PDB file of all heavy atoms in Angstrom:
ATOM      1  N   MET A   1      27.327   7.595-134.977  1.00  0.00           N
ATOM      2  CA  MET A   1      27.591   6.348-135.691  1.00  0.00           C
ATOM      3  C   MET A   1      26.454   6.010-136.643  1.00  0.00           C
ATOM      4  O   MET A   1      26.138   4.858-136.887  1.00  0.00           O
ATOM      5  CB  MET A   1      27.836   5.216-134.697  1.00  0.00           C
ATOM      6  CG  MET A   1      29.069   5.455-133.859  1.00  0.00           C
ATOM      7  SD  MET A   1      29.352   4.168-132.650  1.00  0.00           S
ATOM      8  CE  MET A   1      28.073   4.534-131.465  1.00  0.00           C
ATOM      9  N   ALA A   2      25.812   7.047-137.206  1.00  0.00           N
ATOM     10  CA  ALA A   2      24.676   6.848-138.103  1.00  0.00           C
ATOM     11  C   ALA A   2      25.096   6.030-139.317  1.00  0.00           C
ATOM     12  O   ALA A   2      26.226   6.108-139.784  1.00  0.00           O
ATOM     13  CB  ALA A   2      24.117   8.195-138.534  1.00  0.00           C
ATOM     14  N   ARG A   3      24.177   5.265-139.805  1.00  0.00           N
ATOM     15  CA  ARG A   3      24.440   4.399-140.947  1.00  0.00           C
ATOM     16  C   ARG A   3      23.633   4.851-142.159  1.00  0.00           C
ATOM     17  O   ARG A   3      22.730   5.661-142.060  1.00  0.00           O
ATOM     18  CB  ARG A   3      24.065   2.951-140.601  1.00  0.00           C
ATOM     19  CG  ARG A   3      24.844   2.366-139.446  1.00  0.00           C
ATOM     20  CD  ARG A   3      26.282   2.058-139.882  1.00  0.00           C
ATOM     21  NE  ARG A   3      27.041   1.443-138.806  1.00  0.00           N
ATOM     22  CZ  ARG A   3      27.995   2.057-138.147  1.00  0.00           C
ATOM     23  NH1 ARG A   3      28.323   3.284-138.441  1.00  0.00           N
ATOM     24  NH2 ARG A   3      28.652   1.442-137.200  1.00  0.00           N
ATOM     25  N   GLY A   4      23.969   4.280-143.297  1.00  0.00           N
ATOM     26  CA  GLY A   4      23.221   4.541-144.523  1.00  0.00           C
ATOM     27  C   GLY A   4      23.279   5.999-144.930  1.00  0.00           C
ATOM     28  O   GLY A   4      24.335   6.625-144.905  1.00  0.00           O
ATOM     29  N   ASP A   5      22.127   6.558-145.302  1.00  0.00           N
ATOM     30  CA  ASP A   5      22.071   7.941-145.776  1.00  0.00           C
ATOM     31  C   ASP A   5      22.448   8.959-144.709  1.00  0.00           C
ATOM     32  O   ASP A   5      22.752  10.104-145.019  1.00  0.00           O
ATOM     33  CB  ASP A   5      20.674   8.266-146.309  1.00  0.00           C
ATOM     34  CG  ASP A   5      20.365   7.538-147.605  1.00  0.00           C
ATOM     35  OD1 ASP A   5      21.328   7.123-148.297  1.00  0.00           O
ATOM     36  OD2 ASP A   5      19.178   7.378-147.926  1.00  0.00           O
ATOM     37  N   ASP A   6      22.415   8.557-143.440  1.00  0.00           N
ATOM     38  CA  ASP A   6      22.775   9.466-142.355  1.00  0.00           C
ATOM     39  C   ASP A   6      24.254   9.407-141.988  1.00  0.00           C
ATOM     40  O   ASP A   6      24.713  10.122-141.108  1.00  0.00           O
ATOM     41  CB  ASP A   6      21.939   9.161-141.109  1.00  0.00           C
ATOM     42  CG  ASP A   6      20.475   9.472-141.330  1.00  0.00           C
ATOM     43  OD1 ASP A   6      20.171  10.426-142.063  1.00  0.00           O
ATOM     44  OD2 ASP A   6      19.632   8.748-140.769  1.00  0.00           O
ATOM     45  N   ASN A   7      25.008   8.549-142.669  1.00  0.00           N
ATOM     46  CA  ASN A   7      26.452   8.431-142.454  1.00  0.00           C
ATOM     47  C   ASN A   7      27.093   9.746-142.909  1.00  0.00           C
ATOM     48  O   ASN A   7      26.964  10.140-144.071  1.00  0.00           O
ATOM     49  CB  ASN A   7      26.963   7.245-143.271  1.00  0.00           C
ATOM     50  CG  ASN A   7      28.453   7.036-143.199  1.00  0.00           C
ATOM     51  OD1 ASN A   7      29.237   7.978-143.277  1.00  0.00           O
ATOM     52  ND2 ASN A   7      28.848   5.791-143.094  1.00  0.00           N
ATOM     53  N   ARG A   8      27.752  10.455-141.999  1.00  0.00           N
ATOM     54  CA  ARG A   8      28.305  11.783-142.309  1.00  0.00           C
ATOM     55  C   ARG A   8      29.334  11.760-143.435  1.00  0.00           C
ATOM     56  O   ARG A   8      29.398  12.694-144.236  1.00  0.00           O
ATOM     57  CB  ARG A   8      28.951  12.396-141.066  1.00  0.00           C
ATOM     58  CG  ARG A   8      27.989  12.861-140.036  1.00  0.00           C
ATOM     59  CD  ARG A   8      28.758  13.523-138.910  1.00  0.00           C
ATOM     60  NE  ARG A   8      27.856  13.964-137.864  1.00  0.00           N
ATOM     61  CZ  ARG A   8      28.221  14.751-136.877  1.00  0.00           C
ATOM     62  NH1 ARG A   8      29.463  15.171-136.786  1.00  0.00           N
ATOM     63  NH2 ARG A   8      27.358  15.106-135.960  1.00  0.00           N
ATOM     64  N   THR A   9      30.151  10.731-143.487  1.00  0.00           N
ATOM     65  CA  THR A   9      31.157  10.666-144.549  1.00  0.00           C
ATOM     66  C   THR A   9      30.481  10.514-145.904  1.00  0.00           C
ATOM     67  O   THR A   9      30.795  11.240-146.854  1.00  0.00           O
ATOM     68  CB  THR A   9      32.140   9.510-144.297  1.00  0.00           C
ATOM     69  OG1 THR A   9      32.803   9.727-143.055  1.00  0.00           O
ATOM     70  CG2 THR A   9      33.169   9.408-145.406  1.00  0.00           C
ATOM     71  N   ILE A  10      29.551   9.593-146.004  1.00  0.00           N
ATOM     72  CA  ILE A  10      28.860   9.382-147.279  1.00  0.00           C
ATOM     73  C   ILE A  10      28.042  10.611-147.659  1.00  0.00           C
ATOM     74  O   ILE A  10      28.031  11.012-148.824  1.00  0.00           O
ATOM     75  CB  ILE A  10      28.015   8.104-147.234  1.00  0.00           C
ATOM     76  CG1 ILE A  10      28.963   6.907-147.185  1.00  0.00           C
ATOM     77  CG2 ILE A  10      27.068   8.022-148.419  1.00  0.00           C
ATOM     78  CD1 ILE A  10      28.339   5.565-147.160  1.00  0.00           C
ATOM     79  N   ALA A  11      27.373  11.224-146.700  1.00  0.00           N
ATOM     80  CA  ALA A  11      26.608  12.443-146.990  1.00  0.00           C
ATOM     81  C   ALA A  11      27.520  13.519-147.574  1.00  0.00           C
ATOM     82  O   ALA A  11      27.154  14.191-148.549  1.00  0.00           O
ATOM     83  CB  ALA A  11      25.919  12.947-145.727  1.00  0.00           C
ATOM     84  N   TYR A  12      28.707  13.680-147.011  1.00  0.00           N
ATOM     85  CA  TYR A  12      29.652  14.670-147.538  1.00  0.00           C
ATOM     86  C   TYR A  12      30.091  14.300-148.951  1.00  0.00           C
ATOM     87  O   TYR A  12      30.121  15.149-149.848  1.00  0.00           O
ATOM     88  CB  TYR A  12      30.871  14.789-146.622  1.00  0.00           C
ATOM     89  CG  TYR A  12      31.863  15.794-147.143  1.00  0.00           C
ATOM     90  CD1 TYR A  12      31.729  17.139-146.835  1.00  0.00           C
ATOM     91  CD2 TYR A  12      32.921  15.413-147.968  1.00  0.00           C
ATOM     92  CE1 TYR A  12      32.619  18.080-147.329  1.00  0.00           C
ATOM     93  CE2 TYR A  12      33.818  16.338-148.463  1.00  0.00           C
ATOM     94  CZ  TYR A  12      33.662  17.671-148.147  1.00  0.00           C
ATOM     95  OH  TYR A  12      34.541  18.594-148.648  1.00  0.00           O
ATOM     96  N   LEU A  13      30.443  13.039-149.169  1.00  0.00           N
ATOM     97  CA  LEU A  13      30.907  12.610-150.490  1.00  0.00           C
ATOM     98  C   LEU A  13      29.855  12.878-151.561  1.00  0.00           C
ATOM     99  O   LEU A  13      30.187  13.247-152.687  1.00  0.00           O
ATOM    100  CB  LEU A  13      31.284  11.129-150.469  1.00  0.00           C
ATOM    101  CG  LEU A  13      32.474  10.757-149.589  1.00  0.00           C
ATOM    102  CD1 LEU A  13      32.637   9.243-149.518  1.00  0.00           C
ATOM    103  CD2 LEU A  13      33.754  11.417-150.072  1.00  0.00           C
ATOM    104  N   LYS A  14      28.588  12.735-151.209  1.00  0.00           N
ATOM    105  CA  LYS A  14      27.498  12.972-152.171  1.00  0.00           C
ATOM    106  C   LYS A  14      27.347  14.444-152.526  1.00  0.00           C
ATOM    107  O   LYS A  14      26.741  14.770-153.538  1.00  0.00           O
ATOM    108  CB  LYS A  14      26.187  12.425-151.629  1.00  0.00           C
ATOM    109  CG  LYS A  14      26.137  10.913-151.626  1.00  0.00           C
ATOM    110  CD  LYS A  14      24.804  10.409-151.097  1.00  0.00           C
ATOM    111  CE  LYS A  14      24.707   8.907-151.145  1.00  0.00           C
ATOM    112  NZ  LYS A  14      23.400   8.429-150.651  1.00  0.00           N
ATOM    113  N   THR A  15      27.901  15.357-151.704  1.00  0.00           N
ATOM    114  CA  THR A  15      27.797  16.789-152.011  1.00  0.00           C
ATOM    115  C   THR A  15      28.877  17.256-152.971  1.00  0.00           C
ATOM    116  O   THR A  15      28.785  18.348-153.518  1.00  0.00           O
ATOM    117  CB  THR A  15      27.891  17.655-150.735  1.00  0.00           C
ATOM    118  OG1 THR A  15      29.206  17.583-150.197  1.00  0.00           O
ATOM    119  CG2 THR A  15      26.849  17.243-149.712  1.00  0.00           C
ATOM    120  N   LEU A  16      29.917  16.459-153.169  1.00  0.00           N
ATOM    121  CA  LEU A  16      31.023  16.877-154.027  1.00  0.00           C
ATOM    122  C   LEU A  16      30.590  16.919-155.482  1.00  0.00           C
ATOM    123  O   LEU A  16      29.733  16.159-155.922  1.00  0.00           O
ATOM    124  CB  LEU A  16      32.206  15.918-153.863  1.00  0.00           C
ATOM    125  CG  LEU A  16      32.823  15.852-152.470  1.00  0.00           C
ATOM    126  CD1 LEU A  16      33.912  14.794-152.436  1.00  0.00           C
ATOM    127  CD2 LEU A  16      33.369  17.208-152.072  1.00  0.00           C
ATOM    128  N   GLN A  17      31.228  17.794-156.235  1.00  0.00           N
ATOM    129  CA  GLN A  17      30.952  17.900-157.666  1.00  0.00           C
ATOM    130  C   GLN A  17      32.225  17.705-158.454  1.00  0.00           C
ATOM    131  O   GLN A  17      33.159  18.478-158.293  1.00  0.00           O
ATOM    132  CB  GLN A  17      30.328  19.263-157.987  1.00  0.00           C
ATOM    133  CG  GLN A  17      28.964  19.459-157.386  1.00  0.00           C
ATOM    134  CD  GLN A  17      27.970  18.392-157.809  1.00  0.00           C
ATOM    135  OE1 GLN A  17      27.930  17.999-158.977  1.00  0.00           O
ATOM    136  NE2 GLN A  17      27.196  17.897-156.865  1.00  0.00           N
ATOM    137  N   PRO A  18      32.321  16.702-159.258  1.00  0.00           N
ATOM    138  CA  PRO A  18      31.359  15.609-159.358  1.00  0.00           C
ATOM    139  C   PRO A  18      31.518  14.668-158.160  1.00  0.00           C
ATOM    140  O   PRO A  18      32.627  14.512-157.634  1.00  0.00           O
ATOM    141  CB  PRO A  18      31.744  14.900-160.649  1.00  0.00           C
ATOM    142  CG  PRO A  18      33.207  15.142-160.788  1.00  0.00           C
ATOM    143  CD  PRO A  18      33.457  16.500-160.181  1.00  0.00           C
ATOM    144  N   PRO A  19      30.425  14.033-157.751  1.00  0.00           N
ATOM    145  CA  PRO A  19      30.540  13.088-156.639  1.00  0.00           C
ATOM    146  C   PRO A  19      31.359  11.874-157.066  1.00  0.00           C
ATOM    147  O   PRO A  19      31.305  11.464-158.230  1.00  0.00           O
ATOM    148  CB  PRO A  19      29.089  12.699-156.340  1.00  0.00           C
ATOM    149  CG  PRO A  19      28.320  13.056-157.547  1.00  0.00           C
ATOM    150  CD  PRO A  19      29.063  14.148-158.246  1.00  0.00           C
ATOM    151  N   PRO A  20      32.151  11.329-156.165  1.00  0.00           N
ATOM    152  CA  PRO A  20      32.951  10.164-156.557  1.00  0.00           C
ATOM    153  C   PRO A  20      32.049   8.966-156.870  1.00  0.00           C
ATOM    154  O   PRO A  20      31.071   8.719-156.174  1.00  0.00           O
ATOM    155  CB  PRO A  20      33.824   9.881-155.329  1.00  0.00           C
ATOM    156  CG  PRO A  20      33.157  10.578-154.198  1.00  0.00           C
ATOM    157  CD  PRO A  20      32.358  11.699-154.769  1.00  0.00           C
ATOM    158  N   GLN A  21      32.381   8.276-157.936  1.00  0.00           N
ATOM    159  CA  GLN A  21      31.673   7.055-158.300  1.00  0.00           C
ATOM    160  C   GLN A  21      32.333   5.855-157.641  1.00  0.00           C
ATOM    161  O   GLN A  21      31.713   4.818-157.484  1.00  0.00           O
ATOM    162  CB  GLN A  21      31.658   6.878-159.822  1.00  0.00           C
ATOM    163  CG  GLN A  21      30.976   8.014-160.544  1.00  0.00           C
ATOM    164  CD  GLN A  21      29.534   8.187-160.112  1.00  0.00           C
ATOM    165  OE1 GLN A  21      28.756   7.247-160.134  1.00  0.00           O
ATOM    166  NE2 GLN A  21      29.180   9.394-159.679  1.00  0.00           N
ATOM    167  N   LYS A  22      33.602   6.035-157.317  1.00  0.00           N
ATOM    168  CA  LYS A  22      34.378   4.954-156.712  1.00  0.00           C
ATOM    169  C   LYS A  22      35.410   5.564-155.770  1.00  0.00           C
ATOM    170  O   LYS A  22      35.926   6.638-156.025  1.00  0.00           O
ATOM    171  CB  LYS A  22      35.086   4.147-157.805  1.00  0.00           C
ATOM    172  CG  LYS A  22      35.894   2.984-157.275  1.00  0.00           C
ATOM    173  CD  LYS A  22      36.225   2.016-158.396  1.00  0.00           C
ATOM    174  CE  LYS A  22      37.132   0.907-157.979  1.00  0.00           C
ATOM    175  NZ  LYS A  22      36.657   0.017-156.972  1.00  0.00           N
ATOM    176  N   ILE A  23      35.661   4.880-154.686  1.00  0.00           N
ATOM    177  CA  ILE A  23      36.794   5.195-153.819  1.00  0.00           C
ATOM    178  C   ILE A  23      37.796   4.083-154.098  1.00  0.00           C
ATOM    179  O   ILE A  23      37.525   2.919-153.828  1.00  0.00           O
ATOM    180  CB  ILE A  23      36.399   5.209-152.328  1.00  0.00           C
ATOM    181  CG1 ILE A  23      35.289   6.219-152.047  1.00  0.00           C
ATOM    182  CG2 ILE A  23      37.619   5.462-151.454  1.00  0.00           C
ATOM    183  CD1 ILE A  23      35.678   7.669-152.224  1.00  0.00           C
ATOM    184  N   ASP A  24      38.916   4.435-154.687  1.00  0.00           N
ATOM    185  CA  ASP A  24      39.892   3.424-155.105  1.00  0.00           C
ATOM    186  C   ASP A  24      40.630   2.802-153.933  1.00  0.00           C
ATOM    187  O   ASP A  24      40.900   1.602-153.939  1.00  0.00           O
ATOM    188  CB  ASP A  24      40.911   4.054-156.069  1.00  0.00           C
ATOM    189  CG  ASP A  24      40.228   4.633-157.280  1.00  0.00           C
ATOM    190  OD1 ASP A  24      39.721   3.845-158.095  1.00  0.00           O
ATOM    191  OD2 ASP A  24      40.179   5.873-157.397  1.00  0.00           O
ATOM    192  N   HIS A  25      40.963   3.623-152.953  1.00  0.00           N
ATOM    193  CA  HIS A  25      41.789   3.160-151.834  1.00  0.00           C
ATOM    194  C   HIS A  25      41.158   3.621-150.516  1.00  0.00           C
ATOM    195  O   HIS A  25      40.775   4.783-150.387  1.00  0.00           O
ATOM    196  CB  HIS A  25      43.199   3.729-151.933  1.00  0.00           C
ATOM    197  CG  HIS A  25      43.802   3.601-153.289  1.00  0.00           C
ATOM    198  ND1 HIS A  25      44.278   2.422-153.786  1.00  0.00           N
ATOM    199  CD2 HIS A  25      43.971   4.522-154.263  1.00  0.00           C
ATOM    200  CE1 HIS A  25      44.735   2.609-155.003  1.00  0.00           C
ATOM    201  NE2 HIS A  25      44.558   3.879-155.321  1.00  0.00           N
ATOM    202  N   VAL A  26      41.092   2.717-149.566  1.00  0.00           N
ATOM    203  CA  VAL A  26      40.651   3.045-148.213  1.00  0.00           C
ATOM    204  C   VAL A  26      41.791   2.689-147.272  1.00  0.00           C
ATOM    205  O   VAL A  26      42.348   1.593-147.352  1.00  0.00           O
ATOM    206  CB  VAL A  26      39.371   2.267-147.829  1.00  0.00           C
ATOM    207  CG1 VAL A  26      39.106   2.351-146.333  1.00  0.00           C
ATOM    208  CG2 VAL A  26      38.177   2.791-148.611  1.00  0.00           C
ATOM    209  N   VAL A  27      42.132   3.622-146.396  1.00  0.00           N
ATOM    210  CA  VAL A  27      43.184   3.404-145.410  1.00  0.00           C
ATOM    211  C   VAL A  27      42.570   3.554-144.022  1.00  0.00           C
ATOM    212  O   VAL A  27      41.955   4.582-143.718  1.00  0.00           O
ATOM    213  CB  VAL A  27      44.334   4.429-145.574  1.00  0.00           C
ATOM    214  CG1 VAL A  27      45.390   4.219-144.502  1.00  0.00           C
ATOM    215  CG2 VAL A  27      44.931   4.360-146.964  1.00  0.00           C
ATOM    216  N   LEU A  28      42.720   2.531-143.199  1.00  0.00           N
ATOM    217  CA  LEU A  28      42.317   2.608-141.801  1.00  0.00           C
ATOM    218  C   LEU A  28      43.581   2.710-140.971  1.00  0.00           C
ATOM    219  O   LEU A  28      44.387   1.781-140.923  1.00  0.00           O
ATOM    220  CB  LEU A  28      41.503   1.374-141.381  1.00  0.00           C
ATOM    221  CG  LEU A  28      41.175   1.290-139.888  1.00  0.00           C
ATOM    222  CD1 LEU A  28      40.350   2.491-139.428  1.00  0.00           C
ATOM    223  CD2 LEU A  28      40.467  -0.017-139.573  1.00  0.00           C
ATOM    224  N   SER A  29      43.758   3.845-140.304  1.00  0.00           N
ATOM    225  CA  SER A  29      44.977   4.054-139.517  1.00  0.00           C
ATOM    226  C   SER A  29      45.057   3.093-138.339  1.00  0.00           C
ATOM    227  O   SER A  29      46.109   2.522-138.076  1.00  0.00           O
ATOM    228  CB  SER A  29      45.057   5.492-139.029  1.00  0.00           C
ATOM    229  OG  SER A  29      43.973   5.794-138.168  1.00  0.00           O
ATOM    230  N   HIS A  30      43.936   2.923-137.627  1.00  0.00           N
ATOM    231  CA  HIS A  30      43.860   1.982-136.517  1.00  0.00           C
ATOM    232  C   HIS A  30      42.395   1.810-136.145  1.00  0.00           C
ATOM    233  O   HIS A  30      41.577   2.697-136.381  1.00  0.00           O
ATOM    234  CB  HIS A  30      44.708   2.439-135.322  1.00  0.00           C
ATOM    235  CG  HIS A  30      44.303   3.752-134.749  1.00  0.00           C
ATOM    236  ND1 HIS A  30      44.590   4.951-135.363  1.00  0.00           N
ATOM    237  CD2 HIS A  30      43.626   4.050-133.623  1.00  0.00           C
ATOM    238  CE1 HIS A  30      44.105   5.939-134.633  1.00  0.00           C
ATOM    239  NE2 HIS A  30      43.514   5.422-133.563  1.00  0.00           N
ATOM    240  N   PRO A  31      42.029   0.668-135.582  1.00  0.00           N
ATOM    241  CA  PRO A  31      40.619   0.339-135.387  1.00  0.00           C
ATOM    242  C   PRO A  31      40.002   0.856-134.081  1.00  0.00           C
ATOM    243  O   PRO A  31      39.510   0.083-133.261  1.00  0.00           O
ATOM    244  CB  PRO A  31      40.614  -1.193-135.434  1.00  0.00           C
ATOM    245  CG  PRO A  31      41.938  -1.575-134.877  1.00  0.00           C
ATOM    246  CD  PRO A  31      42.880  -0.511-135.342  1.00  0.00           C
ATOM    247  N   HIS A  32      40.015   2.156-133.917  1.00  0.00           N
ATOM    248  CA  HIS A  32      39.300   2.772-132.800  1.00  0.00           C
ATOM    249  C   HIS A  32      38.041   3.416-133.353  1.00  0.00           C
ATOM    250  O   HIS A  32      37.989   3.791-134.527  1.00  0.00           O
ATOM    251  CB  HIS A  32      40.161   3.818-132.089  1.00  0.00           C
ATOM    252  CG  HIS A  32      41.273   3.215-131.310  1.00  0.00           C
ATOM    253  ND1 HIS A  32      42.280   3.969-130.758  1.00  0.00           N
ATOM    254  CD2 HIS A  32      41.561   1.931-130.981  1.00  0.00           C
ATOM    255  CE1 HIS A  32      43.136   3.178-130.124  1.00  0.00           C
ATOM    256  NE2 HIS A  32      42.716   1.949-130.252  1.00  0.00           N
ATOM    257  N   ARG A  33      37.032   3.563-132.489  1.00  0.00           N
ATOM    258  CA  ARG A  33      35.729   4.075-132.935  1.00  0.00           C
ATOM    259  C   ARG A  33      35.834   5.375-133.725  1.00  0.00           C
ATOM    260  O   ARG A  33      35.120   5.563-134.710  1.00  0.00           O
ATOM    261  CB  ARG A  33      34.818   4.326-131.725  1.00  0.00           C
ATOM    262  CG  ARG A  33      34.182   3.078-131.193  1.00  0.00           C
ATOM    263  CD  ARG A  33      33.201   3.355-130.091  1.00  0.00           C
ATOM    264  NE  ARG A  33      32.141   4.245-130.556  1.00  0.00           N
ATOM    265  CZ  ARG A  33      31.320   4.884-129.750  1.00  0.00           C
ATOM    266  NH1 ARG A  33      31.424   4.750-128.455  1.00  0.00           N
ATOM    267  NH2 ARG A  33      30.386   5.653-130.239  1.00  0.00           N
ATOM    268  N   ASP A  34      36.689   6.283-133.300  1.00  0.00           N
ATOM    269  CA  ASP A  34      36.770   7.577-133.970  1.00  0.00           C
ATOM    270  C   ASP A  34      37.560   7.525-135.278  1.00  0.00           C
ATOM    271  O   ASP A  34      37.827   8.561-135.887  1.00  0.00           O
ATOM    272  CB  ASP A  34      37.347   8.639-133.028  1.00  0.00           C
ATOM    273  CG  ASP A  34      38.722   8.291-132.481  1.00  0.00           C
ATOM    274  OD1 ASP A  34      39.070   7.094-132.439  1.00  0.00           O
ATOM    275  OD2 ASP A  34      39.435   9.215-132.075  1.00  0.00           O
ATOM    276  N   HIS A  35      37.869   6.319-135.751  1.00  0.00           N
ATOM    277  CA  HIS A  35      38.560   6.150-137.027  1.00  0.00           C
ATOM    278  C   HIS A  35      37.870   5.136-137.943  1.00  0.00           C
ATOM    279  O   HIS A  35      38.059   5.179-139.151  1.00  0.00           O
ATOM    280  CB  HIS A  35      40.014   5.719-136.797  1.00  0.00           C
ATOM    281  CG  HIS A  35      40.813   6.778-136.123  1.00  0.00           C
ATOM    282  ND1 HIS A  35      41.578   7.687-136.812  1.00  0.00           N
ATOM    283  CD2 HIS A  35      40.922   7.097-134.813  1.00  0.00           C
ATOM    284  CE1 HIS A  35      42.140   8.515-135.951  1.00  0.00           C
ATOM    285  NE2 HIS A  35      41.756   8.180-134.729  1.00  0.00           N
ATOM    286  N   VAL A  36      37.074   4.213-137.377  1.00  0.00           N
ATOM    287  CA  VAL A  36      36.548   3.094-138.178  1.00  0.00           C
ATOM    288  C   VAL A  36      35.024   3.058-138.315  1.00  0.00           C
ATOM    289  O   VAL A  36      34.517   2.476-139.264  1.00  0.00           O
ATOM    290  CB  VAL A  36      37.040   1.736-137.617  1.00  0.00           C
ATOM    291  CG1 VAL A  36      36.377   1.388-136.300  1.00  0.00           C
ATOM    292  CG2 VAL A  36      36.848   0.622-138.625  1.00  0.00           C
ATOM    293  N   GLU A  37      34.269   3.657-137.427  1.00  0.00           N
ATOM    294  CA  GLU A  37      32.826   3.415-137.332  1.00  0.00           C
ATOM    295  C   GLU A  37      32.038   3.647-138.620  1.00  0.00           C
ATOM    296  O   GLU A  37      31.076   2.944-138.885  1.00  0.00           O
ATOM    297  CB  GLU A  37      32.205   4.243-136.216  1.00  0.00           C
ATOM    298  CG  GLU A  37      32.540   3.746-134.836  1.00  0.00           C
ATOM    299  CD  GLU A  37      31.952   2.388-134.485  1.00  0.00           C
ATOM    300  OE1 GLU A  37      30.924   1.987-135.060  1.00  0.00           O
ATOM    301  OE2 GLU A  37      32.531   1.722-133.622  1.00  0.00           O
ATOM    302  N   LEU A  38      32.392   4.628-139.433  1.00  0.00           N
ATOM    303  CA  LEU A  38      31.619   4.922-140.638  1.00  0.00           C
ATOM    304  C   LEU A  38      32.176   4.235-141.890  1.00  0.00           C
ATOM    305  O   LEU A  38      31.585   4.325-142.960  1.00  0.00           O
ATOM    306  CB  LEU A  38      31.547   6.439-140.859  1.00  0.00           C
ATOM    307  CG  LEU A  38      30.971   7.231-139.679  1.00  0.00           C
ATOM    308  CD1 LEU A  38      31.018   8.721-139.961  1.00  0.00           C
ATOM    309  CD2 LEU A  38      29.556   6.791-139.341  1.00  0.00           C
ATOM    310  N   LEU A  39      33.289   3.526-141.756  1.00  0.00           N
ATOM    311  CA  LEU A  39      33.911   2.869-142.908  1.00  0.00           C
ATOM    312  C   LEU A  39      33.127   1.696-143.500  1.00  0.00           C
ATOM    313  O   LEU A  39      33.185   1.494-144.715  1.00  0.00           O
ATOM    314  CB  LEU A  39      35.332   2.407-142.568  1.00  0.00           C
ATOM    315  CG  LEU A  39      36.421   3.441-142.765  1.00  0.00           C
ATOM    316  CD1 LEU A  39      37.767   2.877-142.319  1.00  0.00           C
ATOM    317  CD2 LEU A  39      36.493   3.937-144.190  1.00  0.00           C
ATOM    318  N   PRO A  40      32.402   0.885-142.734  1.00  0.00           N
ATOM    319  CA  PRO A  40      31.688  -0.226-143.375  1.00  0.00           C
ATOM    320  C   PRO A  40      30.751   0.222-144.492  1.00  0.00           C
ATOM    321  O   PRO A  40      30.716  -0.402-145.563  1.00  0.00           O
ATOM    322  CB  PRO A  40      30.914  -0.867-142.218  1.00  0.00           C
ATOM    323  CG  PRO A  40      31.738  -0.561-141.011  1.00  0.00           C
ATOM    324  CD  PRO A  40      32.288   0.818-141.271  1.00  0.00           C
ATOM    325  N   ASP A  41      30.017   1.315-144.297  1.00  0.00           N
ATOM    326  CA  ASP A  41      29.139   1.820-145.352  1.00  0.00           C
ATOM    327  C   ASP A  41      29.931   2.272-146.568  1.00  0.00           C
ATOM    328  O   ASP A  41      29.503   2.080-147.708  1.00  0.00           O
ATOM    329  CB  ASP A  41      28.310   3.003-144.851  1.00  0.00           C
ATOM    330  CG  ASP A  41      27.167   2.598-143.941  1.00  0.00           C
ATOM    331  OD1 ASP A  41      26.804   1.410-143.928  1.00  0.00           O
ATOM    332  OD2 ASP A  41      26.642   3.482-143.242  1.00  0.00           O
ATOM    333  N   VAL A  42      31.079   2.899-146.342  1.00  0.00           N
ATOM    334  CA  VAL A  42      31.922   3.362-147.446  1.00  0.00           C
ATOM    335  C   VAL A  42      32.392   2.168-148.283  1.00  0.00           C
ATOM    336  O   VAL A  42      32.305   2.177-149.511  1.00  0.00           O
ATOM    337  CB  VAL A  42      33.128   4.172-146.932  1.00  0.00           C
ATOM    338  CG1 VAL A  42      34.109   4.471-148.054  1.00  0.00           C
ATOM    339  CG2 VAL A  42      32.662   5.455-146.257  1.00  0.00           C
ATOM    340  N   VAL A  43      32.867   1.131-147.610  1.00  0.00           N
ATOM    341  CA  VAL A  43      33.345  -0.066-148.312  1.00  0.00           C
ATOM    342  C   VAL A  43      32.202  -0.716-149.090  1.00  0.00           C
ATOM    343  O   VAL A  43      32.360  -1.101-150.252  1.00  0.00           O
ATOM    344  CB  VAL A  43      33.991  -1.064-147.324  1.00  0.00           C
ATOM    345  CG1 VAL A  43      34.259  -2.402-147.982  1.00  0.00           C
ATOM    346  CG2 VAL A  43      35.279  -0.472-146.757  1.00  0.00           C
ATOM    347  N   THR A  44      31.048  -0.806-148.482  1.00  0.00           N
ATOM    348  CA  THR A  44      29.898  -1.430-149.141  1.00  0.00           C
ATOM    349  C   THR A  44      29.439  -0.630-150.351  1.00  0.00           C
ATOM    350  O   THR A  44      29.156  -1.201-151.416  1.00  0.00           O
ATOM    351  CB  THR A  44      28.733  -1.586-148.135  1.00  0.00           C
ATOM    352  OG1 THR A  44      29.176  -2.421-147.062  1.00  0.00           O
ATOM    353  CG2 THR A  44      27.513  -2.178-148.787  1.00  0.00           C
TER     354      THR A  44
END
């Protein structure tokens, strides 16, 4: 559940070429830890 630069989702997104400047749509299937924990950093 690492936050900030250690957030696995954000770290992956930063490796893409070109890296996304914006995520237009975020979908949360359901609010369980294995689906929501890293989303607050993405939204921010």
